[in-house]
Amino acid sequence: MRKKGFSLIESLVTLLLVGLVFGAVMTLLTSGLRIFRATNERDEAAQAATVAMDRLLCEFREATAVSEPGATPSLQIAFVKADVGNPLRLLPKTGMPNPNWDTPAFYLQVLYKVDSQGRLLRQIGVQQGGVYTETSQLADHCTGLKATRRGQGVYAVELSVRYQEIVRTNCGTVLCPVLR
């Protein structure tokens, strides 16, 4: 006479099969999540480099002087600004203060450089040859920063970013009317 229900062997086989299926699903989910994180981190590094490049090119347009000091990948830009509290209040591209403004003008020196840890840093100093008073990190995983003069007042700027084995170079061309 047979009782209703499952035998011990049937239950163990079912449990084993459910465990194998669950293990396979978890392996797939874990590898998918790992790929998603790696892609997301790579995209964030690329996005930060793009934003940094946009900022660099924006400041480059206002440049009154440009130099590439040192052996490390760096770029030094000097431009005229007024009123530290209001960074959007730029003086005319001629570099001359607007007589209608009651705030004094000064030269702002900005140094962009890639340090030994691959960080793109932006250092700010006031006046020509001044000490840099503020440093901010704009991007990670950077391998190079280069500006090449292409003509009168025209510069090509390249910022290279390496994440894992992928190298991406952000390029931009900018016209500096004051440097013509």
Protein backbone atom coordinates (compact mmCIF):
# COMPACT_ATOMS: atom_id res chain seq x y z
CA MET A 1 0.00 0.00 0.00
CA ARG A 2 1.41 3.34 -1.06
CA LYS A 3 0.99 6.53 0.97
CA LYS A 4 0.16 9.82 -0.69
CA GLY A 5 3.06 12.32 -0.95
CA PHE A 6 6.70 12.39 -2.06
CA SER A 7 9.44 10.08 -1.00
CA LEU A 8 12.66 11.33 0.54
CA ILE A 9 14.61 10.66 -2.66
CA GLU A 10 12.11 12.60 -4.79
CA SER A 11 12.29 15.57 -2.40
CA LEU A 12 16.11 15.56 -2.40
CA VAL A 13 16.27 15.39 -6.22
CA THR A 14 13.79 18.29 -6.48
CA LEU A 15 15.77 20.31 -3.93
CA LEU A 16 19.00 19.64 -5.83
CA LEU A 17 17.48 20.73 -9.16
CA VAL A 18 16.01 23.91 -7.63
CA GLY A 19 19.42 24.70 -6.08
CA LEU A 20 21.21 24.24 -9.43
CA VAL A 21 18.72 26.49 -11.24
CA PHE A 22 18.94 29.12 -8.48
CA GLY A 23 22.76 29.00 -8.56
CA ALA A 24 22.80 29.46 -12.35
CA VAL A 25 20.40 32.42 -12.14
CA MET A 26 22.48 34.05 -9.38
CA THR A 27 25.68 33.61 -11.42
CA LEU A 28 24.05 35.30 -14.41
CA LEU A 29 22.70 38.16 -12.27
CA THR A 30 26.04 38.69 -10.54
CA SER A 31 27.99 38.83 -13.79
CA GLY A 32 25.38 41.15 -15.33
CA LEU A 33 25.61 43.47 -12.32
CA ARG A 34 29.42 43.44 -12.52
CA ILE A 35 29.30 44.40 -16.21
CA PHE A 36 26.74 47.13 -15.46
CA ARG A 37 28.95 48.63 -12.72
CA ALA A 38 32.07 48.57 -14.91
CA THR A 39 30.21 50.22 -17.79
CA ASN A 40 28.68 52.78 -15.47
CA GLU A 41 32.08 53.67 -13.93
CA ARG A 42 33.63 53.97 -17.40
CA ASP A 43 30.79 56.21 -18.56
CA GLU A 44 31.10 58.37 -15.43
CA ALA A 45 34.84 58.80 -16.06
CA ALA A 46 34.15 59.76 -19.68
CA GLN A 47 31.37 62.16 -18.64
CA ALA A 48 33.62 63.86 -16.05
CA ALA A 49 36.33 64.27 -18.70
CA THR A 50 33.83 65.78 -21.14
CA VAL A 51 32.60 68.28 -18.53
CA ALA A 52 36.21 69.14 -17.61
CA MET A 53 37.05 69.65 -21.29
CA ASP A 54 34.05 71.94 -21.75
CA ARG A 55 35.14 74.02 -18.76
CA LEU A 56 38.74 74.15 -19.99
CA LEU A 57 37.67 75.29 -23.48
CA CYS A 58 35.34 77.90 -22.02
CA GLU A 59 38.18 79.41 -19.98
CA PHE A 60 40.55 79.03 -22.92
CA ARG A 61 38.36 81.35 -25.02
CA GLU A 62 39.01 84.17 -22.53
CA ALA A 63 42.78 83.57 -22.39
CA THR A 64 45.20 86.45 -22.54
CA ALA A 65 48.22 84.13 -22.25
CA VAL A 66 48.79 80.38 -22.63
CA SER A 67 51.81 78.28 -21.70
CA GLU A 68 52.66 74.61 -21.22
CA PRO A 69 55.02 74.50 -18.22
CA GLY A 70 56.74 71.46 -16.77
CA ALA A 71 57.22 67.86 -17.80
CA THR A 72 53.85 66.68 -16.52
CA PRO A 73 50.85 67.07 -18.80
CA SER A 74 49.69 70.57 -17.89
CA LEU A 75 48.30 73.73 -19.39
CA GLN A 76 48.46 77.19 -17.86
CA ILE A 77 45.93 79.83 -18.86
CA ALA A 78 45.83 83.46 -17.73
CA PHE A 79 42.83 85.67 -18.29
CA VAL A 80 41.31 88.85 -16.93
CA LYS A 81 38.39 88.62 -14.53
CA ALA A 82 36.59 91.00 -12.23
CA ASP A 83 34.97 90.46 -8.85
CA VAL A 84 35.89 87.14 -7.27
CA GLY A 85 32.38 86.75 -5.88
CA ASN A 86 30.83 86.84 -9.35
CA PRO A 87 32.87 84.59 -11.66
CA LEU A 88 30.54 85.20 -14.62
CA ARG A 89 31.43 88.90 -14.76
CA LEU A 90 34.23 88.75 -17.29
CA LEU A 91 35.92 91.81 -18.65
CA PRO A 92 35.90 92.46 -22.39
CA LYS A 93 38.18 90.30 -24.53
CA THR A 94 40.53 93.28 -24.98
CA GLY A 95 41.79 92.67 -21.46
CA MET A 96 41.02 96.25 -20.44
CA PRO A 97 38.83 96.93 -17.40
CA ASN A 98 35.37 98.33 -18.04
CA PRO A 99 35.40 101.85 -16.55
CA ASN A 100 31.72 101.53 -15.60
CA TRP A 101 32.43 98.72 -13.15
CA ASP A 102 33.43 99.71 -9.67
CA THR A 103 35.28 96.42 -8.97
CA PRO A 104 38.99 96.17 -9.69
CA ALA A 105 40.22 93.83 -12.40
CA PHE A 106 42.93 91.24 -11.90
CA TYR A 107 44.63 88.47 -13.81
CA LEU A 108 43.44 85.04 -12.88
CA GLN A 109 45.87 82.23 -13.54
CA VAL A 110 44.44 78.77 -13.98
CA LEU A 111 46.67 75.72 -14.18
CA TYR A 112 45.19 72.49 -15.49
CA LYS A 113 47.39 69.46 -14.88
CA VAL A 114 47.26 65.69 -14.70
CA ASP A 115 48.93 64.45 -11.53
CA SER A 116 50.74 61.14 -11.01
CA GLN A 117 47.49 59.46 -9.87
CA GLY A 118 45.68 60.33 -13.10
CA ARG A 119 43.54 63.14 -11.68
CA LEU A 120 42.87 66.25 -13.72
CA LEU A 121 43.37 69.16 -11.33
CA ARG A 122 42.41 72.82 -11.78
CA GLN A 123 44.48 75.21 -9.69
CA ILE A 124 43.64 78.90 -9.41
CA GLY A 125 45.96 81.77 -8.55
CA VAL A 126 45.56 85.53 -8.70
CA GLN A 127 47.96 87.85 -10.58
CA GLN A 128 50.77 86.88 -12.91
CA GLY A 129 53.16 84.46 -11.20
CA GLY A 130 50.91 84.24 -8.15
CA VAL A 131 50.63 81.31 -5.76
CA TYR A 132 47.79 78.91 -6.53
CA THR A 133 45.21 79.38 -3.81
CA GLU A 134 42.56 76.84 -4.74
CA THR A 135 42.70 73.33 -6.20
CA SER A 136 39.78 71.29 -7.45
CA GLN A 137 39.64 67.85 -9.01
CA LEU A 138 37.74 67.73 -12.29
CA ALA A 139 38.22 64.15 -13.55
CA ASP A 140 39.87 60.79 -12.82
CA HIS A 141 41.73 58.26 -14.98
CA CYS A 142 43.39 60.99 -17.11
CA THR A 143 46.58 60.11 -18.97
CA GLY A 144 47.33 63.25 -20.94
CA LEU A 145 46.56 66.91 -21.53
CA LYS A 146 47.94 68.75 -24.50
CA ALA A 147 47.34 72.05 -26.29
CA THR A 148 48.72 72.65 -29.77
CA ARG A 149 48.71 76.00 -31.50
CA ARG A 150 47.06 75.55 -34.93
CA GLY A 151 47.14 79.14 -36.11
CA GLN A 152 46.80 82.68 -34.92
CA GLY A 153 44.75 82.40 -31.74
CA VAL A 154 43.53 78.89 -32.63
CA TYR A 155 44.41 76.00 -30.33
CA ALA A 156 43.60 72.30 -30.42
CA VAL A 157 43.20 70.80 -26.95
CA GLU A 158 43.29 67.07 -26.16
CA LEU A 159 42.42 65.33 -22.90
CA SER A 160 43.00 61.56 -22.79
CA VAL A 161 41.19 59.31 -20.32
CA ARG A 162 42.02 55.64 -19.74
CA TYR A 163 39.64 53.39 -17.90
CA GLN A 164 40.66 49.74 -17.66
CA GLU A 165 41.96 49.03 -21.17
CA ILE A 166 39.90 51.63 -23.03
CA VAL A 167 41.49 54.98 -23.94
CA ARG A 168 39.24 57.84 -24.98
CA THR A 169 40.54 61.21 -26.17
CA ASN A 170 38.37 64.31 -25.90
CA CYS A 171 39.39 66.85 -28.52
CA GLY A 172 38.37 70.44 -28.91
CA THR A 173 39.39 73.41 -30.99
CA VAL A 174 39.08 76.88 -29.58
CA LEU A 175 39.61 80.39 -30.91
CA CYS A 176 41.17 82.85 -28.48
CA PRO A 177 40.43 86.31 -29.91
CA VAL A 178 42.88 88.09 -27.58
CA LEU A 179 45.78 85.84 -28.66
CA ARG A 180 45.34 86.54 -32.40
